[in-house]
Amino acid sequence: MARIRIIEPAEADNELKQIYDSLISSRGKLAEVHKLQSLNPPTIPAHMDLYTKIMFSRSPLSRAEREMMAVVVSVTNGCEYCRGHHLEALKHFWPEYEAMAIARLDAYAAGLDDRLKALFEYARGLTDDPRKASADDYWVDHLRAVGLDDRGILDATLVISYFNFVNRMVMGLGVELEADPGGYRYESASG
């Protein structure tokens, strides 16, 4: 249960009701993270717009790569909510993926190709110690060495930064993972 008051869909009216209805229509259901922002309704569509632009727009990064980084950031931060949601999305893009592998980050990383491993390491490294990332060019040089261009590097950094933001919001305000974190539309450009 969240540490602040939230407005449930049955209580919502006017702008908030429209936002909730739109999210249910476009995504298939309403997530707890959206209800967490219910006291400030304009932040919900702004948040969703940022999320969809980072996770669904055209990019040199695949959806699977972006979902993998979302899970790595969330596991690194200990955010069970985002880990659960984005592990479901990652399974959608990699059906052969073993669900428990991500919980053991080093074991999981060992099986990745060079590009995925570099993205994995960047997600974990920038989350663990952002000061190190600003101290030298190691991460950028490493990502270039595996074939990422500057747009790909920017998009990877946006994914990592976004999930660090959301992990802190969710963990700081006590959002718990729903009983069924799946069932969203994973391929829709509308989020």
N, C-alpha and C. Protein backbone atom coordinates (compact mmCIF):
# COMPACT_ATOMS: atom_id res chain seq x y z
N MET A 1 0.84 -1.18 0.00
CA MET A 1 0.00 0.00 0.00
C MET A 1 0.88 1.25 0.00
N ALA A 2 0.52 2.21 -0.83
CA ALA A 2 1.30 3.43 -0.95
C ALA A 2 1.32 4.21 0.36
N ARG A 3 2.38 4.96 0.56
CA ARG A 3 2.55 5.75 1.79
C ARG A 3 1.81 7.09 1.73
N ILE A 4 1.26 7.40 0.57
CA ILE A 4 0.46 8.62 0.43
C ILE A 4 -0.93 8.22 -0.07
N ARG A 5 -1.87 9.13 0.06
CA ARG A 5 -3.23 8.86 -0.42
C ARG A 5 -3.23 8.78 -1.94
N ILE A 6 -3.95 7.81 -2.46
CA ILE A 6 -4.16 7.72 -3.90
C ILE A 6 -5.66 7.74 -4.17
N ILE A 7 -6.02 8.16 -5.34
CA ILE A 7 -7.42 8.18 -5.75
C ILE A 7 -7.65 6.98 -6.66
N GLU A 8 -8.49 6.09 -6.21
CA GLU A 8 -8.81 4.88 -6.98
C GLU A 8 -9.71 5.25 -8.16
N PRO A 9 -9.75 4.41 -9.19
CA PRO A 9 -10.60 4.70 -10.36
C PRO A 9 -12.07 4.95 -10.01
N ALA A 10 -12.62 4.23 -9.05
CA ALA A 10 -14.03 4.41 -8.68
C ALA A 10 -14.29 5.79 -8.07
N GLU A 11 -13.25 6.42 -7.50
CA GLU A 11 -13.39 7.75 -6.89
C GLU A 11 -13.04 8.89 -7.84
N ALA A 12 -12.42 8.56 -8.96
CA ALA A 12 -11.91 9.59 -9.87
C ALA A 12 -13.05 10.30 -10.59
N ASP A 13 -12.85 11.59 -10.81
CA ASP A 13 -13.81 12.33 -11.61
C ASP A 13 -13.05 13.30 -12.50
N ASN A 14 -13.76 13.90 -13.42
CA ASN A 14 -13.24 14.92 -14.31
C ASN A 14 -11.94 14.52 -14.99
N GLU A 15 -10.91 15.34 -14.82
CA GLU A 15 -9.63 15.13 -15.51
C GLU A 15 -9.03 13.78 -15.15
N LEU A 16 -9.01 13.42 -13.88
CA LEU A 16 -8.39 12.17 -13.47
C LEU A 16 -9.13 10.97 -14.06
N LYS A 17 -10.45 11.01 -14.07
CA LYS A 17 -11.22 9.92 -14.65
C LYS A 17 -10.89 9.77 -16.14
N GLN A 18 -10.78 10.87 -16.86
CA GLN A 18 -10.43 10.82 -18.28
C GLN A 18 -9.04 10.22 -18.48
N ILE A 19 -8.12 10.59 -17.62
CA ILE A 19 -6.76 10.06 -17.72
C ILE A 19 -6.77 8.56 -17.45
N TYR A 20 -7.43 8.14 -16.39
CA TYR A 20 -7.51 6.71 -16.08
C TYR A 20 -8.17 5.94 -17.23
N ASP A 21 -9.28 6.45 -17.74
CA ASP A 21 -9.98 5.77 -18.84
C ASP A 21 -9.09 5.66 -20.08
N SER A 22 -8.34 6.70 -20.36
CA SER A 22 -7.44 6.70 -21.51
C SER A 22 -6.32 5.65 -21.33
N LEU A 23 -5.76 5.58 -20.12
CA LEU A 23 -4.72 4.59 -19.86
C LEU A 23 -5.25 3.17 -19.99
N ILE A 24 -6.41 2.93 -19.46
CA ILE A 24 -7.00 1.58 -19.56
C ILE A 24 -7.27 1.25 -21.02
N SER A 25 -7.76 2.20 -21.78
CA SER A 25 -8.03 1.98 -23.20
C SER A 25 -6.76 1.71 -24.00
N SER A 26 -5.72 2.48 -23.77
CA SER A 26 -4.49 2.36 -24.56
C SER A 26 -3.57 1.24 -24.09
N ARG A 27 -3.53 0.98 -22.79
CA ARG A 27 -2.57 0.03 -22.24
C ARG A 27 -3.19 -1.30 -21.83
N GLY A 28 -4.50 -1.35 -21.72
CA GLY A 28 -5.16 -2.59 -21.34
C GLY A 28 -5.53 -2.66 -19.87
N LYS A 29 -4.84 -1.87 -19.05
CA LYS A 29 -5.15 -1.80 -17.62
C LYS A 29 -4.40 -0.64 -16.99
N LEU A 30 -4.71 -0.36 -15.74
CA LEU A 30 -4.14 0.76 -15.01
C LEU A 30 -3.11 0.24 -14.01
N ALA A 31 -1.92 0.80 -14.05
CA ALA A 31 -0.85 0.39 -13.14
C ALA A 31 -0.87 1.21 -11.85
N GLU A 32 -0.37 0.63 -10.79
CA GLU A 32 -0.28 1.32 -9.50
C GLU A 32 0.56 2.59 -9.58
N VAL A 33 1.59 2.59 -10.41
CA VAL A 33 2.45 3.77 -10.53
C VAL A 33 1.67 4.97 -11.05
N HIS A 34 0.63 4.72 -11.86
CA HIS A 34 -0.18 5.84 -12.34
C HIS A 34 -1.10 6.35 -11.25
N LYS A 35 -1.68 5.43 -10.50
CA LYS A 35 -2.54 5.85 -9.39
C LYS A 35 -1.73 6.61 -8.34
N LEU A 36 -0.45 6.29 -8.21
CA LEU A 36 0.42 6.97 -7.25
C LEU A 36 0.46 8.48 -7.53
N GLN A 37 0.30 8.86 -8.77
CA GLN A 37 0.37 10.27 -9.16
C GLN A 37 -1.01 10.93 -9.19
N SER A 38 -2.02 10.27 -8.68
CA SER A 38 -3.40 10.74 -8.81
C SER A 38 -3.67 12.08 -8.13
N LEU A 39 -2.90 12.46 -7.15
CA LEU A 39 -3.11 13.75 -6.49
C LEU A 39 -2.63 14.91 -7.36
N ASN A 40 -1.89 14.60 -8.41
CA ASN A 40 -1.39 15.61 -9.34
C ASN A 40 -1.63 15.09 -10.76
N PRO A 41 -2.89 15.03 -11.19
CA PRO A 41 -3.24 14.38 -12.46
C PRO A 41 -2.43 14.80 -13.68
N PRO A 42 -2.07 16.08 -13.87
CA PRO A 42 -1.31 16.43 -15.09
C PRO A 42 0.03 15.70 -15.21
N THR A 43 0.58 15.23 -14.08
CA THR A 43 1.86 14.52 -14.17
C THR A 43 1.71 13.14 -14.79
N ILE A 44 0.52 12.56 -14.75
CA ILE A 44 0.34 11.20 -15.28
C ILE A 44 0.53 11.18 -16.79
N PRO A 45 -0.20 11.99 -17.58
CA PRO A 45 0.06 11.93 -19.02
C PRO A 45 1.47 12.42 -19.40
N ALA A 46 2.01 13.37 -18.64
CA ALA A 46 3.39 13.81 -18.91
C ALA A 46 4.36 12.65 -18.68
N HIS A 47 4.16 11.92 -17.60
CA HIS A 47 4.98 10.75 -17.30
C HIS A 47 4.84 9.71 -18.41
N MET A 48 3.59 9.43 -18.83
CA MET A 48 3.36 8.44 -19.88
C MET A 48 3.96 8.87 -21.21
N ASP A 49 3.91 10.16 -21.49
CA ASP A 49 4.50 10.65 -22.73
C ASP A 49 6.01 10.41 -22.74
N LEU A 50 6.66 10.73 -21.63
CA LEU A 50 8.10 10.48 -21.52
C LEU A 50 8.39 8.98 -21.66
N TYR A 51 7.65 8.16 -20.93
CA TYR A 51 7.83 6.71 -20.97
C TYR A 51 7.68 6.17 -22.40
N THR A 52 6.61 6.56 -23.09
CA THR A 52 6.39 6.01 -24.43
C THR A 52 7.44 6.50 -25.41
N LYS A 53 7.88 7.73 -25.28
CA LYS A 53 8.93 8.23 -26.18
C LYS A 53 10.25 7.49 -25.94
N ILE A 54 10.57 7.19 -24.70
CA ILE A 54 11.81 6.48 -24.40
C ILE A 54 11.72 5.00 -24.75
N MET A 55 10.62 4.36 -24.44
CA MET A 55 10.53 2.91 -24.58
C MET A 55 9.93 2.42 -25.90
N PHE A 56 9.13 3.24 -26.59
CA PHE A 56 8.42 2.76 -27.77
C PHE A 56 8.81 3.46 -29.07
N SER A 57 9.49 4.58 -29.01
CA SER A 57 9.79 5.31 -30.24
C SER A 57 10.87 4.60 -31.05
N ARG A 58 11.02 5.03 -32.30
CA ARG A 58 12.09 4.48 -33.14
C ARG A 58 13.42 4.74 -32.44
N SER A 59 14.29 3.75 -32.52
CA SER A 59 15.56 3.85 -31.83
C SER A 59 16.53 2.83 -32.41
N PRO A 60 17.82 3.09 -32.32
CA PRO A 60 18.80 2.06 -32.68
C PRO A 60 18.74 0.87 -31.70
N LEU A 61 18.08 1.07 -30.56
CA LEU A 61 17.93 0.00 -29.57
C LEU A 61 16.61 -0.72 -29.79
N SER A 62 16.62 -2.03 -29.68
CA SER A 62 15.39 -2.80 -29.80
C SER A 62 14.57 -2.64 -28.53
N ARG A 63 13.29 -2.99 -28.61
CA ARG A 63 12.45 -2.99 -27.41
C ARG A 63 13.02 -3.96 -26.39
N ALA A 64 13.49 -5.11 -26.84
CA ALA A 64 14.05 -6.08 -25.90
C ALA A 64 15.27 -5.51 -25.18
N GLU A 65 16.13 -4.80 -25.90
CA GLU A 65 17.30 -4.19 -25.25
C GLU A 65 16.87 -3.16 -24.22
N ARG A 66 15.87 -2.37 -24.55
CA ARG A 66 15.40 -1.35 -23.60
C ARG A 66 14.75 -2.00 -22.37
N GLU A 67 13.96 -3.06 -22.59
CA GLU A 67 13.35 -3.76 -21.45
C GLU A 67 14.42 -4.44 -20.59
N MET A 68 15.44 -4.99 -21.22
CA MET A 68 16.53 -5.61 -20.46
C MET A 68 17.19 -4.58 -19.56
N MET A 69 17.47 -3.39 -20.09
CA MET A 69 18.09 -2.35 -19.26
C MET A 69 17.16 -1.91 -18.15
N ALA A 70 15.86 -1.83 -18.42
CA ALA A 70 14.88 -1.47 -17.38
C ALA A 70 14.95 -2.47 -16.23
N VAL A 71 15.04 -3.75 -16.56
CA VAL A 71 15.10 -4.78 -15.53
C VAL A 71 16.43 -4.69 -14.77
N VAL A 72 17.52 -4.49 -15.48
CA VAL A 72 18.84 -4.41 -14.82
C VAL A 72 18.86 -3.24 -13.83
N VAL A 73 18.38 -2.07 -14.25
CA VAL A 73 18.33 -0.92 -13.35
C VAL A 73 17.47 -1.24 -12.13
N SER A 74 16.31 -1.82 -12.37
CA SER A 74 15.37 -2.09 -11.28
C SER A 74 15.90 -3.14 -10.31
N VAL A 75 16.56 -4.17 -10.83
CA VAL A 75 17.16 -5.18 -9.95
C VAL A 75 18.31 -4.55 -9.16
N THR A 76 19.13 -3.75 -9.83
CA THR A 76 20.26 -3.10 -9.17
C THR A 76 19.77 -2.21 -8.02
N ASN A 77 18.66 -1.50 -8.24
CA ASN A 77 18.10 -0.62 -7.21
C ASN A 77 17.26 -1.36 -6.17
N GLY A 78 16.92 -2.61 -6.44
CA GLY A 78 16.05 -3.36 -5.52
C GLY A 78 14.60 -2.96 -5.65
N CYS A 79 14.18 -2.49 -6.84
CA CYS A 79 12.80 -2.08 -7.06
C CYS A 79 12.00 -3.26 -7.61
N GLU A 80 11.31 -3.94 -6.72
CA GLU A 80 10.52 -5.11 -7.12
C GLU A 80 9.37 -4.75 -8.04
N TYR A 81 8.80 -3.58 -7.86
CA TYR A 81 7.68 -3.16 -8.69
C TYR A 81 8.09 -3.07 -10.16
N CYS A 82 9.10 -2.28 -10.45
CA CYS A 82 9.53 -2.11 -11.84
C CYS A 82 10.18 -3.38 -12.39
N ARG A 83 10.90 -4.09 -11.54
CA ARG A 83 11.47 -5.37 -11.97
C ARG A 83 10.37 -6.30 -12.44
N GLY A 84 9.30 -6.41 -11.65
CA GLY A 84 8.20 -7.30 -12.00
C GLY A 84 7.51 -6.91 -13.29
N HIS A 85 7.22 -5.63 -13.44
CA HIS A 85 6.54 -5.17 -14.65
C HIS A 85 7.40 -5.36 -15.90
N HIS A 86 8.66 -5.00 -15.81
CA HIS A 86 9.50 -5.02 -17.01
C HIS A 86 10.10 -6.40 -17.27
N LEU A 87 10.13 -7.25 -16.27
CA LEU A 87 10.48 -8.65 -16.52
C LEU A 87 9.38 -9.30 -17.37
N GLU A 88 8.11 -8.96 -17.10
CA GLU A 88 7.01 -9.47 -17.92
C GLU A 88 7.15 -8.99 -19.36
N ALA A 89 7.49 -7.73 -19.54
CA ALA A 89 7.68 -7.20 -20.90
C ALA A 89 8.87 -7.87 -21.58
N LEU A 90 9.96 -8.06 -20.83
CA LEU A 90 11.14 -8.71 -21.40
C LEU A 90 10.81 -10.14 -21.84
N LYS A 91 10.03 -10.85 -21.06
CA LYS A 91 9.60 -12.20 -21.44
C LYS A 91 8.79 -12.17 -22.73
N HIS A 92 8.02 -11.11 -22.93
CA HIS A 92 7.23 -10.96 -24.15
C HIS A 92 8.15 -10.90 -25.38
N PHE A 93 9.26 -10.18 -25.27
CA PHE A 93 10.16 -10.02 -26.39
C PHE A 93 11.17 -11.16 -26.53
N TRP A 94 11.48 -11.82 -25.43
CA TRP A 94 12.39 -12.96 -25.45
C TRP A 94 11.69 -14.14 -24.81
N PRO A 95 10.78 -14.81 -25.52
CA PRO A 95 9.99 -15.91 -24.92
C PRO A 95 10.84 -17.04 -24.34
N GLU A 96 12.01 -17.27 -24.89
CA GLU A 96 12.87 -18.35 -24.39
C GLU A 96 13.63 -17.97 -23.13
N TYR A 97 13.50 -16.73 -22.73
CA TYR A 97 14.21 -16.19 -21.58
C TYR A 97 13.80 -16.89 -20.28
N GLU A 98 14.77 -17.22 -19.47
CA GLU A 98 14.48 -17.85 -18.17
C GLU A 98 14.28 -16.77 -17.12
N ALA A 99 13.12 -16.77 -16.51
CA ALA A 99 12.72 -15.69 -15.59
C ALA A 99 13.70 -15.49 -14.44
N MET A 100 14.28 -16.52 -13.93
CA MET A 100 15.13 -16.36 -12.75
C MET A 100 16.52 -15.85 -13.09
N ALA A 101 16.93 -15.91 -14.34
CA ALA A 101 18.29 -15.51 -14.69
C ALA A 101 18.58 -14.06 -14.32
N ILE A 102 17.61 -13.19 -14.48
CA ILE A 102 17.84 -11.78 -14.22
C ILE A 102 18.09 -11.50 -12.74
N ALA A 103 17.59 -12.35 -11.86
CA ALA A 103 17.80 -12.15 -10.43
C ALA A 103 19.26 -12.38 -10.06
N ARG A 104 19.95 -13.13 -10.87
CA ARG A 104 21.38 -13.36 -10.68
C ARG A 104 22.11 -12.61 -11.79
N LEU A 105 22.29 -11.33 -11.60
CA LEU A 105 22.75 -10.47 -12.69
C LEU A 105 24.03 -10.96 -13.35
N ASP A 106 25.02 -11.37 -12.59
CA ASP A 106 26.28 -11.78 -13.21
C ASP A 106 26.11 -13.04 -14.04
N ALA A 107 25.33 -13.98 -13.56
CA ALA A 107 25.09 -15.21 -14.33
C ALA A 107 24.34 -14.88 -15.62
N TYR A 108 23.41 -13.98 -15.54
CA TYR A 108 22.65 -13.59 -16.72
C TYR A 108 23.56 -12.90 -17.73
N ALA A 109 24.38 -11.98 -17.28
CA ALA A 109 25.25 -11.21 -18.17
C ALA A 109 26.24 -12.11 -18.90
N ALA A 110 26.65 -13.20 -18.27
CA ALA A 110 27.64 -14.08 -18.87
C ALA A 110 27.16 -14.67 -20.20
N GLY A 111 25.86 -14.82 -20.38
CA GLY A 111 25.34 -15.42 -21.60
C GLY A 111 25.00 -14.44 -22.70
N LEU A 112 25.28 -13.17 -22.53
CA LEU A 112 24.90 -12.16 -23.51
C LEU A 112 25.98 -11.95 -24.56
N ASP A 113 25.57 -11.53 -25.76
CA ASP A 113 26.55 -11.15 -26.77
C ASP A 113 27.19 -9.82 -26.35
N ASP A 114 28.21 -9.39 -27.07
CA ASP A 114 28.98 -8.21 -26.67
C ASP A 114 28.13 -6.94 -26.56
N ARG A 115 27.24 -6.74 -27.51
CA ARG A 115 26.39 -5.54 -27.49
C ARG A 115 25.47 -5.54 -26.27
N LEU A 116 24.77 -6.66 -26.06
CA LEU A 116 23.86 -6.74 -24.92
C LEU A 116 24.62 -6.65 -23.60
N LYS A 117 25.77 -7.27 -23.55
CA LYS A 117 26.56 -7.22 -22.32
C LYS A 117 27.01 -5.78 -22.03
N ALA A 118 27.39 -5.04 -23.08
CA ALA A 118 27.80 -3.64 -22.88
C ALA A 118 26.62 -2.80 -22.38
N LEU A 119 25.43 -3.00 -22.94
CA LEU A 119 24.24 -2.29 -22.47
C LEU A 119 23.90 -2.67 -21.03
N PHE A 120 24.02 -3.96 -20.74
CA PHE A 120 23.79 -4.48 -19.39
C PHE A 120 24.74 -3.81 -18.40
N GLU A 121 26.02 -3.81 -18.73
CA GLU A 121 27.04 -3.22 -17.84
C GLU A 121 26.84 -1.72 -17.68
N TYR A 122 26.46 -1.05 -18.75
CA TYR A 122 26.20 0.38 -18.66
C TYR A 122 25.02 0.66 -17.74
N ALA A 123 23.94 -0.11 -17.90
CA ALA A 123 22.76 0.07 -17.04
C ALA A 123 23.12 -0.14 -15.57
N ARG A 124 23.86 -1.18 -15.29
CA ARG A 124 24.25 -1.44 -13.91
C ARG A 124 25.25 -0.42 -13.40
N GLY A 125 26.23 -0.07 -14.22
CA GLY A 125 27.27 0.87 -13.81
C GLY A 125 26.76 2.28 -13.57
N LEU A 126 25.93 2.79 -14.49
CA LEU A 126 25.40 4.14 -14.32
C LEU A 126 24.44 4.21 -13.14
N THR A 127 23.76 3.11 -12.86
CA THR A 127 22.86 3.05 -11.70
C THR A 127 23.66 2.96 -10.40
N ASP A 128 24.66 2.10 -10.38
CA ASP A 128 25.48 1.89 -9.17
C ASP A 128 26.30 3.12 -8.79
N ASP A 129 26.93 3.75 -9.77
CA ASP A 129 27.85 4.84 -9.46
C ASP A 129 27.89 5.86 -10.60
N PRO A 130 26.89 6.75 -10.66
CA PRO A 130 26.87 7.72 -11.75
C PRO A 130 28.09 8.65 -11.75
N ARG A 131 28.75 8.81 -10.58
CA ARG A 131 29.95 9.66 -10.54
C ARG A 131 31.05 9.07 -11.40
N LYS A 132 31.17 7.75 -11.40
CA LYS A 132 32.20 7.10 -12.22
C LYS A 132 31.92 7.32 -13.69
N ALA A 133 30.66 7.29 -14.07
CA ALA A 133 30.30 7.48 -15.47
C ALA A 133 30.68 8.88 -15.95
N SER A 134 30.63 9.87 -15.07
CA SER A 134 30.97 11.22 -15.47
C SER A 134 32.47 11.49 -15.38
N ALA A 135 33.21 10.58 -14.79
CA ALA A 135 34.64 10.80 -14.57
C ALA A 135 35.50 10.45 -15.77
N ASP A 136 35.01 9.57 -16.64
CA ASP A 136 35.81 9.18 -17.81
C ASP A 136 34.90 8.77 -18.96
N ASP A 137 35.52 8.41 -20.07
CA ASP A 137 34.77 8.05 -21.27
C ASP A 137 34.61 6.55 -21.43
N TYR A 138 34.90 5.77 -20.38
CA TYR A 138 34.88 4.32 -20.52
C TYR A 138 33.57 3.81 -21.10
N TRP A 139 32.43 4.20 -20.51
CA TRP A 139 31.15 3.64 -20.95
C TRP A 139 30.84 4.01 -22.38
N VAL A 140 31.02 5.28 -22.73
CA VAL A 140 30.72 5.72 -24.09
C VAL A 140 31.64 5.02 -25.08
N ASP A 141 32.93 4.96 -24.77
CA ASP A 141 33.88 4.27 -25.66
C ASP A 141 33.51 2.80 -25.80
N HIS A 142 33.14 2.17 -24.70
CA HIS A 142 32.77 0.75 -24.71
C HIS A 142 31.52 0.53 -25.56
N LEU A 143 30.52 1.40 -25.44
CA LEU A 143 29.30 1.26 -26.23
C LEU A 143 29.58 1.50 -27.71
N ARG A 144 30.45 2.44 -28.02
CA ARG A 144 30.83 2.65 -29.43
C ARG A 144 31.57 1.43 -29.98
N ALA A 145 32.41 0.82 -29.16
CA ALA A 145 33.19 -0.34 -29.60
C ALA A 145 32.31 -1.53 -29.98
N VAL A 146 31.10 -1.60 -29.43
CA VAL A 146 30.21 -2.71 -29.78
C VAL A 146 29.19 -2.29 -30.84
N GLY A 147 29.41 -1.11 -31.46
CA GLY A 147 28.62 -0.72 -32.61
C GLY A 147 27.50 0.28 -32.38
N LEU A 148 27.36 0.79 -31.17
CA LEU A 148 26.31 1.78 -30.94
C LEU A 148 26.78 3.15 -31.42
N ASP A 149 25.87 3.86 -32.09
CA ASP A 149 26.16 5.23 -32.48
C ASP A 149 25.72 6.17 -31.36
N ASP A 150 25.92 7.46 -31.57
CA ASP A 150 25.59 8.42 -30.50
C ASP A 150 24.10 8.39 -30.15
N ARG A 151 23.22 8.20 -31.12
CA ARG A 151 21.79 8.11 -30.82
C ARG A 151 21.51 6.89 -29.94
N GLY A 152 22.12 5.77 -30.24
CA GLY A 152 21.94 4.58 -29.41
C GLY A 152 22.44 4.79 -27.99
N ILE A 153 23.56 5.48 -27.87
CA ILE A 153 24.12 5.77 -26.54
C ILE A 153 23.19 6.71 -25.77
N LEU A 154 22.67 7.74 -26.46
CA LEU A 154 21.71 8.64 -25.82
C LEU A 154 20.48 7.86 -25.38
N ASP A 155 19.93 7.02 -26.25
CA ASP A 155 18.72 6.28 -25.91
C ASP A 155 18.95 5.33 -24.74
N ALA A 156 20.12 4.69 -24.69
CA ALA A 156 20.44 3.82 -23.55
C ALA A 156 20.48 4.65 -22.26
N THR A 157 21.08 5.82 -22.32
CA THR A 157 21.18 6.68 -21.14
C THR A 157 19.79 7.17 -20.71
N LEU A 158 18.92 7.46 -21.67
CA LEU A 158 17.55 7.86 -21.34
C LEU A 158 16.80 6.74 -20.64
N VAL A 159 16.92 5.52 -21.12
CA VAL A 159 16.26 4.37 -20.48
C VAL A 159 16.75 4.22 -19.05
N ILE A 160 18.05 4.22 -18.87
CA ILE A 160 18.64 4.04 -17.55
C ILE A 160 18.21 5.17 -16.61
N SER A 161 18.26 6.39 -17.08
CA SER A 161 17.88 7.54 -16.26
C SER A 161 16.40 7.49 -15.90
N TYR A 162 15.56 7.17 -16.87
CA TYR A 162 14.12 7.09 -16.61
C TYR A 162 13.82 6.06 -15.53
N PHE A 163 14.41 4.88 -15.62
CA PHE A 163 14.09 3.86 -14.63
C PHE A 163 14.68 4.16 -13.26
N ASN A 164 15.79 4.86 -13.20
CA ASN A 164 16.26 5.30 -11.89
C ASN A 164 15.27 6.29 -11.28
N PHE A 165 14.71 7.18 -12.08
CA PHE A 165 13.68 8.12 -11.61
C PHE A 165 12.46 7.36 -11.10
N VAL A 166 11.92 6.48 -11.90
CA VAL A 166 10.69 5.78 -11.51
C VAL A 166 10.94 4.85 -10.33
N ASN A 167 12.08 4.17 -10.30
CA ASN A 167 12.40 3.31 -9.14
C ASN A 167 12.36 4.12 -7.86
N ARG A 168 12.89 5.30 -7.86
CA ARG A 168 12.92 6.12 -6.65
C ARG A 168 11.53 6.61 -6.27
N MET A 169 10.71 6.94 -7.25
CA MET A 169 9.35 7.36 -6.97
C MET A 169 8.57 6.20 -6.35
N VAL A 170 8.66 5.04 -6.96
CA VAL A 170 7.92 3.85 -6.51
C VAL A 170 8.41 3.41 -5.13
N MET A 171 9.71 3.33 -4.94
CA MET A 171 10.25 2.86 -3.67
C MET A 171 10.05 3.90 -2.57
N GLY A 172 10.22 5.17 -2.91
CA GLY A 172 10.06 6.22 -1.92
C GLY A 172 8.64 6.34 -1.38
N LEU A 173 7.67 6.03 -2.24
CA LEU A 173 6.27 6.18 -1.83
C LEU A 173 5.58 4.84 -1.59
N GLY A 174 6.32 3.75 -1.63
CA GLY A 174 5.81 2.46 -1.20
C GLY A 174 4.83 1.77 -2.11
N VAL A 175 5.02 1.86 -3.42
CA VAL A 175 4.11 1.17 -4.35
C VAL A 175 4.48 -0.31 -4.38
N GLU A 176 3.45 -1.14 -4.26
CA GLU A 176 3.67 -2.59 -4.29
C GLU A 176 3.27 -3.17 -5.63
N LEU A 177 3.95 -4.21 -6.02
CA LEU A 177 3.68 -4.90 -7.28
C LEU A 177 2.30 -5.53 -7.24
N GLU A 178 1.54 -5.34 -8.31
CA GLU A 178 0.23 -5.95 -8.42
C GLU A 178 0.37 -7.47 -8.47
N ALA A 179 -0.71 -8.17 -8.15
CA ALA A 179 -0.71 -9.64 -8.19
C ALA A 179 -0.39 -10.15 -9.59
N ASP A 180 -0.85 -9.44 -10.62
CA ASP A 180 -0.58 -9.82 -12.00
C ASP A 180 0.05 -8.64 -12.72
N PRO A 181 1.41 -8.57 -12.75
CA PRO A 181 2.06 -7.42 -13.36
C PRO A 181 2.05 -7.44 -14.89
N GLY A 182 1.58 -8.50 -15.50
CA GLY A 182 1.55 -8.59 -16.96
C GLY A 182 0.22 -8.13 -17.51
N GLY A 183 0.03 -8.42 -18.78
CA GLY A 183 -1.24 -8.14 -19.43
C GLY A 183 -1.34 -6.79 -20.10
N TYR A 184 -0.23 -6.05 -20.16
CA TYR A 184 -0.24 -4.75 -20.83
C TYR A 184 0.01 -4.95 -22.32
N ARG A 185 -0.29 -3.94 -23.09
CA ARG A 185 0.02 -3.95 -24.53
C ARG A 185 1.48 -3.51 -24.66
N TYR A 186 2.35 -4.45 -24.99
CA TYR A 186 3.79 -4.16 -25.00
C TYR A 186 4.29 -3.55 -26.29
N GLU A 187 3.53 -3.63 -27.35
CA GLU A 187 4.05 -3.19 -28.64
C GLU A 187 3.37 -1.94 -29.15
N SER A 188 2.46 -1.41 -28.42
CA SER A 188 1.72 -0.22 -28.84
C SER A 188 2.57 1.03 -28.68
N ALA A 189 2.60 1.85 -29.71
CA ALA A 189 3.34 3.11 -29.62
C ALA A 189 2.69 4.06 -28.63
N SER A 190 1.47 3.77 -28.22
CA SER A 190 0.81 4.64 -27.24
C SER A 190 1.10 4.21 -25.82
N GLY A 191 1.99 3.27 -25.64
CA GLY A 191 2.41 2.88 -24.30
C GLY A 191 1.70 1.69 -23.83
